[in-house]
Amino acid sequence: MKKFNRIVVVIFALMLTVVFLTAGCTNKSTEKSSSNTQQAPEQNSNAEIAIILKTLSNPFWVKMKEGIEEEAKSQGIKVDIYAAKSEDDLQGQLNLFEDLLNKNYKAIGIAPLSPVNVISPIVQANKKGIYVVNIDEKVDLNELKKAGGSVIAFVTTDNVKVGEKAAQYIVDKLGPEGGEVAIIEGKAGNASGEARKEGAKKVFESAKNIKLVASQPADWDRAKALDVATNIMQRYPNIKAFYCANDTMALGVVQAVENAGKAGKILVVGTDGIPEAVQAVKDGKMAATVAQDPAKIGATSLKELIKALKEKPKISPDIEPTFIAVDSQLITK
């Protein structure tokens, strides 16, 4: 009888183990499915237009999404908006674009994470007669043409002018005394960041009373920018200003300046006009930010996609895309 009871107990324990293991596998499967659904294309969408943004973890891209949605509403159409999981998810964005090509979209807007990561699906889209509009980050048009692909339009902020505008503000604020300045770049090879850097560098180097002592990347990252700025201040203790290629990095530089006990003594100018940076300008922690208009960039991109569907222009690598620049605005206290 005791032996029988022991057998029953063992069988019961085994049954419980199977139940728990099954539940665990079910939960993991559900979590994975939920995560994929968040990024993957809708299966039953009747929209003819899709737009792929860089990410939705940054206020800039959230604003762009809102601008697209408002324009779609005013036009009385439906548009599906997708995004990569992060600004480092190059493969994820590529996969997402390729998935969209198997749906019923007739026009696609893309804000690429790098100049070359989505060249292949753009070429595939062209072959299927799908119109493509390049948003914000410029595709390497030379490489795209070599691959036999093209985009019908490129909608962005004039990033060279953004850098020039920020640098000129610093030059004017420092006045005749001038001083040493530095640039905190974005991710190496990123077209938008490179353009901002070149614009700022051009202004700094043309000002006789300004000395550009450093220009280093911080990969759009706040913590990295804090470290880079800290090292620059240690090497150049008399530095007077930093220009940062985005506001996220600028906020990291602000922290570095405060940690060094130099708040109010070093100018920090950012780019994008995100809410936290605008508040930092109001509070006197940042000197300024050059605000882009992501909502207008998104709305303009959607208009170009709608226009293409109506006018049906020829898709050819020999046709130069229409360049549309959306202006930026300097925000100071």
Protein backbone atom coordinates (compact mmCIF):
# COMPACT_ATOMS: atom_id res chain seq x y z
CA MET A 1 0.00 0.00 0.00
CA LYS A 2 2.84 2.38 0.87
CA LYS A 3 4.56 1.49 -2.40
CA PHE A 4 1.36 2.26 -4.31
CA ASN A 5 1.04 5.65 -2.55
CA ARG A 6 4.62 6.51 -3.47
CA ILE A 7 3.92 5.67 -7.13
CA VAL A 8 0.83 7.90 -7.10
CA VAL A 9 2.84 10.77 -5.59
CA VAL A 10 5.58 10.41 -8.25
CA ILE A 11 3.04 10.33 -11.10
CA PHE A 12 1.29 13.43 -9.68
CA ALA A 13 4.63 15.30 -9.40
CA LEU A 14 5.48 14.44 -13.01
CA MET A 15 2.08 15.71 -14.16
CA LEU A 16 2.60 19.01 -12.35
CA THR A 17 6.06 19.41 -13.95
CA VAL A 18 4.61 18.89 -17.45
CA VAL A 19 1.87 21.45 -16.74
CA PHE A 20 4.37 24.09 -15.55
CA LEU A 21 6.73 23.47 -18.48
CA THR A 22 3.87 23.73 -20.96
CA ALA A 23 2.65 26.96 -19.36
CA GLY A 24 6.16 28.38 -19.51
CA CYS A 25 6.54 27.56 -23.21
CA THR A 26 3.11 29.05 -23.94
CA ASN A 27 4.01 32.30 -22.19
CA LYS A 28 7.32 32.59 -24.09
CA SER A 29 5.58 31.90 -27.38
CA THR A 30 2.95 34.55 -26.64
CA GLU A 31 5.58 37.15 -25.74
CA LYS A 32 7.51 36.48 -28.95
CA SER A 33 4.37 36.69 -31.06
CA SER A 34 3.35 39.97 -29.42
CA SER A 35 6.80 41.45 -30.03
CA ASN A 36 6.79 40.41 -33.68
CA THR A 37 3.28 41.72 -34.25
CA GLN A 38 4.35 45.14 -33.01
CA GLN A 39 6.97 45.41 -35.78
CA ALA A 40 5.53 43.27 -38.57
CA PRO A 41 3.18 44.48 -41.33
CA GLU A 42 -0.55 44.20 -40.84
CA GLN A 43 -1.96 41.17 -42.58
CA ASN A 44 -5.37 42.59 -43.52
CA SER A 45 -4.56 46.23 -44.27
CA ASN A 46 -6.27 47.85 -47.24
CA ALA A 47 -3.88 50.82 -47.30
CA GLU A 48 -1.97 51.51 -50.51
CA ILE A 49 0.76 53.49 -48.75
CA ALA A 50 3.22 52.37 -46.06
CA ILE A 51 5.92 54.41 -44.33
CA ILE A 52 8.89 52.98 -42.43
CA LEU A 53 10.46 55.28 -39.84
CA LYS A 54 13.76 54.78 -38.05
CA THR A 55 12.25 54.09 -34.62
CA LEU A 56 9.44 55.24 -32.34
CA SER A 57 11.62 55.37 -29.21
CA ASN A 58 12.67 58.95 -30.01
CA PRO A 59 10.28 61.96 -29.73
CA PHE A 60 11.46 63.20 -33.15
CA TRP A 61 10.07 60.12 -34.90
CA VAL A 62 6.91 60.10 -32.80
CA LYS A 63 6.26 63.67 -34.00
CA MET A 64 6.86 62.59 -37.58
CA LYS A 65 4.37 59.73 -37.16
CA GLU A 66 1.80 62.20 -35.81
CA GLY A 67 2.38 64.51 -38.78
CA ILE A 68 1.83 61.63 -41.21
CA GLU A 69 -1.36 60.59 -39.43
CA GLU A 70 -2.75 64.14 -39.45
CA GLU A 71 -2.05 64.51 -43.16
CA ALA A 72 -3.62 61.13 -43.90
CA LYS A 73 -6.72 62.18 -41.98
CA SER A 74 -6.99 65.47 -43.85
CA GLN A 75 -6.59 63.63 -47.18
CA GLY A 76 -9.13 60.99 -46.20
CA ILE A 77 -6.79 58.08 -46.82
CA LYS A 78 -5.26 55.25 -44.84
CA VAL A 79 -1.51 54.85 -44.34
CA ASP A 80 0.31 52.13 -42.41
CA ILE A 81 3.30 53.29 -40.36
CA TYR A 82 6.08 50.99 -39.19
CA ALA A 83 9.43 51.44 -37.46
CA ALA A 84 12.56 49.52 -36.58
CA LYS A 85 13.03 48.61 -32.92
CA SER A 86 15.99 50.97 -32.52
CA GLU A 87 18.31 53.19 -34.55
CA ASP A 88 20.86 50.35 -34.55
CA ASP A 89 18.46 47.73 -35.92
CA LEU A 90 19.66 47.87 -39.54
CA GLN A 91 18.83 44.23 -40.27
CA GLY A 92 15.42 44.56 -38.65
CA GLN A 93 14.54 47.55 -40.85
CA LEU A 94 15.75 45.68 -43.93
CA ASN A 95 13.59 42.67 -43.06
CA LEU A 96 10.60 44.92 -42.42
CA PHE A 97 10.96 46.61 -45.81
CA GLU A 98 11.27 43.24 -47.56
CA ASP A 99 8.12 42.00 -45.81
CA LEU A 100 6.17 45.03 -47.05
CA LEU A 101 7.06 44.18 -50.65
CA ASN A 102 4.92 41.05 -50.34
CA LYS A 103 1.84 43.06 -49.37
CA ASN A 104 -0.40 45.20 -51.57
CA TYR A 105 1.32 48.55 -51.08
CA LYS A 106 1.76 50.71 -54.16
CA ALA A 107 3.95 53.39 -52.56
CA ILE A 108 6.42 53.22 -49.67
CA GLY A 109 8.22 55.95 -47.72
CA ILE A 110 11.49 55.00 -46.03
CA ALA A 111 13.69 56.77 -43.47
CA PRO A 112 16.74 54.50 -43.72
CA LEU A 113 18.97 53.79 -40.75
CA SER A 114 22.03 54.06 -42.98
CA PRO A 115 22.71 55.27 -46.52
CA VAL A 116 23.01 51.69 -47.83
CA ASN A 117 21.03 49.28 -45.62
CA VAL A 118 17.81 49.36 -47.69
CA ILE A 119 19.20 49.68 -51.22
CA SER A 120 18.25 46.08 -52.06
CA PRO A 121 14.52 46.35 -51.16
CA ILE A 122 14.29 49.74 -52.93
CA VAL A 123 15.51 48.05 -56.11
CA GLN A 124 13.00 45.23 -55.58
CA ALA A 125 10.22 47.78 -55.04
CA ASN A 126 11.15 49.53 -58.29
CA LYS A 127 10.91 46.23 -60.19
CA LYS A 128 7.39 45.75 -58.80
CA GLY A 129 6.36 49.26 -59.83
CA ILE A 130 6.17 50.48 -56.21
CA TYR A 131 6.99 54.17 -55.78
CA VAL A 132 9.57 54.96 -53.08
CA VAL A 133 10.13 58.28 -51.28
CA ASN A 134 13.33 58.75 -49.27
CA ILE A 135 12.72 60.46 -45.89
CA ASP A 136 15.20 62.32 -43.65
CA GLU A 137 18.33 60.13 -43.92
CA LYS A 138 19.59 60.20 -47.49
CA VAL A 139 20.09 56.94 -49.35
CA ASP A 140 23.45 56.72 -51.12
CA LEU A 141 22.08 57.65 -54.53
CA ASN A 142 25.25 56.65 -56.38
CA GLU A 143 25.15 53.14 -54.93
CA LEU A 144 21.40 52.96 -55.50
CA LYS A 145 21.81 53.91 -59.16
CA LYS A 146 24.59 51.33 -59.61
CA ALA A 147 22.19 48.71 -58.26
CA GLY A 148 19.55 49.84 -60.77
CA GLY A 149 17.26 51.52 -58.26
CA SER A 150 15.80 54.96 -57.67
CA VAL A 151 13.55 57.06 -55.43
CA ILE A 152 11.09 59.62 -56.76
CA ALA A 153 11.70 62.21 -54.03
CA PHE A 154 13.92 63.01 -51.06
CA VAL A 155 12.27 64.93 -48.21
CA THR A 156 14.44 66.17 -45.36
CA THR A 157 15.73 69.08 -43.37
CA ASP A 158 18.69 70.84 -44.98
CA ASN A 159 21.12 69.45 -42.42
CA VAL A 160 24.09 71.47 -43.63
CA LYS A 161 22.11 74.62 -42.88
CA VAL A 162 21.12 73.18 -39.48
CA GLY A 163 24.80 72.87 -38.54
CA GLU A 164 25.57 76.32 -39.94
CA LYS A 165 22.69 77.89 -38.03
CA ALA A 166 23.79 76.34 -34.71
CA ALA A 167 27.47 77.21 -35.19
CA GLN A 168 26.71 80.79 -36.22
CA TYR A 169 24.68 81.24 -33.04
CA ILE A 170 27.68 80.07 -31.00
CA VAL A 171 30.04 82.40 -32.89
CA ASP A 172 27.70 85.34 -32.31
CA LYS A 173 27.21 84.53 -28.61
CA LEU A 174 30.97 84.24 -27.95
CA GLY A 175 31.47 87.60 -29.64
CA PRO A 176 34.85 89.22 -30.40
CA GLU A 177 36.56 87.26 -27.62
CA GLY A 178 35.74 83.94 -29.33
CA GLY A 179 37.37 80.83 -27.91
CA GLU A 180 37.71 77.07 -28.25
CA VAL A 181 34.73 75.02 -29.41
CA ALA A 182 33.96 71.35 -30.10
CA ILE A 183 31.49 69.32 -32.13
CA ILE A 184 29.79 66.19 -30.80
CA GLU A 185 28.97 64.18 -33.91
CA GLY A 186 26.34 61.47 -34.41
CA LYS A 187 27.14 57.98 -35.67
CA ALA A 188 30.05 57.83 -38.10
CA GLY A 189 28.83 57.55 -41.70
CA ASN A 190 25.31 58.76 -40.91
CA ALA A 191 24.41 61.24 -43.66
CA SER A 192 22.32 63.60 -41.51
CA GLY A 193 24.96 63.80 -38.80
CA GLU A 194 27.79 64.24 -41.29
CA ALA A 195 25.92 67.10 -42.98
CA ARG A 196 25.32 68.88 -39.65
CA LYS A 197 28.96 68.43 -38.71
CA GLU A 198 30.16 69.81 -42.03
CA GLY A 199 27.85 72.81 -41.75
CA ALA A 200 29.06 73.64 -38.25
CA LYS A 201 32.69 72.99 -39.11
CA LYS A 202 32.49 75.36 -42.09
CA VAL A 203 31.23 78.22 -39.90
CA PHE A 204 33.69 77.59 -37.05
CA GLU A 205 36.69 77.39 -39.35
CA SER A 206 35.72 80.57 -41.18
CA ALA A 207 35.50 82.57 -37.92
CA LYS A 208 38.91 84.10 -37.08
CA ASN A 209 38.28 84.22 -33.33
CA ILE A 210 37.07 80.59 -33.06
CA LYS A 211 39.27 77.50 -32.70
CA LEU A 212 37.67 74.11 -33.36
CA VAL A 213 39.66 71.85 -31.02
CA ALA A 214 37.69 68.59 -31.31
CA SER A 215 35.02 66.86 -33.39
CA GLN A 216 34.15 63.40 -32.09
CA PRO A 217 31.22 60.97 -32.53
CA ALA A 218 28.98 59.91 -29.65
CA ASP A 219 26.66 57.70 -31.73
CA TRP A 220 23.50 59.73 -30.91
CA ASP A 221 23.80 58.37 -27.35
CA ARG A 222 23.38 60.46 -24.20
CA ALA A 223 25.77 58.49 -22.00
CA LYS A 224 28.45 58.37 -24.68
CA ALA A 225 28.13 62.12 -25.22
CA LEU A 226 28.62 62.67 -21.49
CA ASP A 227 31.85 60.66 -21.61
CA VAL A 228 33.13 62.30 -24.81
CA ALA A 229 32.41 65.81 -23.51
CA THR A 230 34.06 65.01 -20.17
CA ASN A 231 37.23 63.88 -21.94
CA ILE A 232 37.25 66.94 -24.20
CA MET A 233 36.88 69.30 -21.21
CA GLN A 234 39.74 67.57 -19.42
CA ARG A 235 41.96 67.97 -22.47
CA TYR A 236 40.78 71.52 -23.25
CA PRO A 237 39.87 73.15 -19.91
CA ASN A 238 39.25 76.54 -21.56
CA ILE A 239 36.61 75.29 -24.01
CA LYS A 240 33.72 77.73 -24.43
CA ALA A 241 31.05 75.83 -26.39
CA PHE A 242 29.78 72.51 -27.75
CA TYR A 243 27.63 71.97 -30.82
CA CYS A 244 25.83 68.61 -30.69
CA ALA A 245 24.33 66.92 -33.75
CA ASN A 246 21.21 65.95 -31.80
CA ASP A 247 19.49 66.93 -28.54
CA THR A 248 19.92 63.54 -26.87
CA MET A 249 23.69 64.00 -26.99
CA ALA A 250 23.36 67.67 -26.02
CA LEU A 251 21.60 66.66 -22.81
CA GLY A 252 24.48 64.31 -22.04
CA VAL A 253 26.91 67.19 -22.61
CA VAL A 254 24.86 69.39 -20.28
CA GLN A 255 25.32 66.76 -17.57
CA ALA A 256 29.07 66.64 -18.24
CA VAL A 257 29.30 70.43 -17.97
CA GLU A 258 27.38 70.39 -14.68
CA ASN A 259 29.57 67.55 -13.34
CA ALA A 260 32.64 69.66 -14.13
CA GLY A 261 31.19 72.60 -12.19
CA LYS A 262 31.04 74.74 -15.34
CA ALA A 263 27.30 75.25 -15.71
CA GLY A 264 26.64 78.67 -17.21
CA LYS A 265 30.24 78.96 -18.40
CA ILE A 266 30.07 76.67 -21.45
CA LEU A 267 27.48 77.02 -24.21
CA VAL A 268 25.70 73.83 -25.28
CA VAL A 269 23.67 73.91 -28.51
CA GLY A 270 21.74 70.88 -29.72
CA THR A 271 19.65 69.81 -32.69
CA ASP A 272 16.04 68.56 -33.14
CA GLY A 273 14.03 70.61 -30.62
CA ILE A 274 12.81 67.63 -28.59
CA PRO A 275 10.68 68.58 -25.54
CA GLU A 276 13.36 67.85 -22.92
CA ALA A 277 15.88 69.99 -24.80
CA VAL A 278 13.43 72.86 -25.23
CA GLN A 279 12.81 72.73 -21.48
CA ALA A 280 16.57 72.73 -20.88
CA VAL A 281 16.80 75.89 -23.00
CA LYS A 282 14.02 77.50 -20.94
CA ASP A 283 15.85 76.52 -17.76
CA GLY A 284 19.11 78.00 -19.02
CA LYS A 285 20.94 74.65 -19.08
CA MET A 286 21.21 74.63 -22.87
CA ALA A 287 21.89 77.78 -24.86
CA ALA A 288 19.81 76.76 -27.87
CA THR A 289 18.56 73.97 -30.09
CA VAL A 290 17.93 73.99 -33.82
CA ALA A 291 14.47 72.50 -34.15
CA GLN A 292 13.56 70.49 -37.17
CA ASP A 293 9.90 70.07 -38.11
CA PRO A 294 9.45 66.28 -38.15
CA ALA A 295 5.67 66.53 -38.44
CA LYS A 296 6.00 68.62 -41.60
CA ILE A 297 8.67 66.28 -43.01
CA GLY A 298 6.30 63.35 -42.48
CA ALA A 299 3.30 65.16 -43.94
CA THR A 300 5.29 66.33 -46.97
CA SER A 301 6.58 62.80 -47.58
CA LEU A 302 3.04 61.44 -47.54
CA LYS A 303 1.94 64.14 -50.00
CA GLU A 304 4.71 63.04 -52.39
CA LEU A 305 3.59 59.41 -52.15
CA ILE A 306 -0.03 60.39 -52.82
CA LYS A 307 1.09 62.56 -55.74
CA ALA A 308 3.01 59.64 -57.25
CA LEU A 309 -0.03 57.37 -57.10
CA LYS A 310 -2.10 60.02 -58.91
CA GLU A 311 0.43 61.14 -61.53
CA LYS A 312 2.23 57.78 -61.97
CA PRO A 313 5.70 59.11 -62.87
CA LYS A 314 8.24 56.85 -64.57
CA ILE A 315 10.46 54.83 -62.23
CA SER A 316 14.03 54.97 -63.53
CA PRO A 317 17.56 55.22 -62.06
CA ASP A 318 18.26 57.85 -64.75
CA ILE A 319 15.71 60.27 -63.27
CA GLU A 320 16.96 62.50 -60.43
CA PRO A 321 14.66 62.54 -57.38
CA THR A 322 12.85 65.72 -56.42
CA PHE A 323 14.63 67.35 -53.45
CA ILE A 324 12.34 68.95 -50.87
CA ALA A 325 13.96 70.76 -47.92
CA VAL A 326 11.87 71.55 -44.83
CA ASP A 327 13.28 74.54 -42.93
CA SER A 328 14.57 74.46 -39.34
CA GLN A 329 14.19 76.98 -36.52
CA LEU A 330 16.64 78.21 -33.90
CA ILE A 331 15.13 78.05 -30.40
CA THR A 332 16.72 80.18 -27.67
CA LYS A 333 15.55 81.29 -24.26
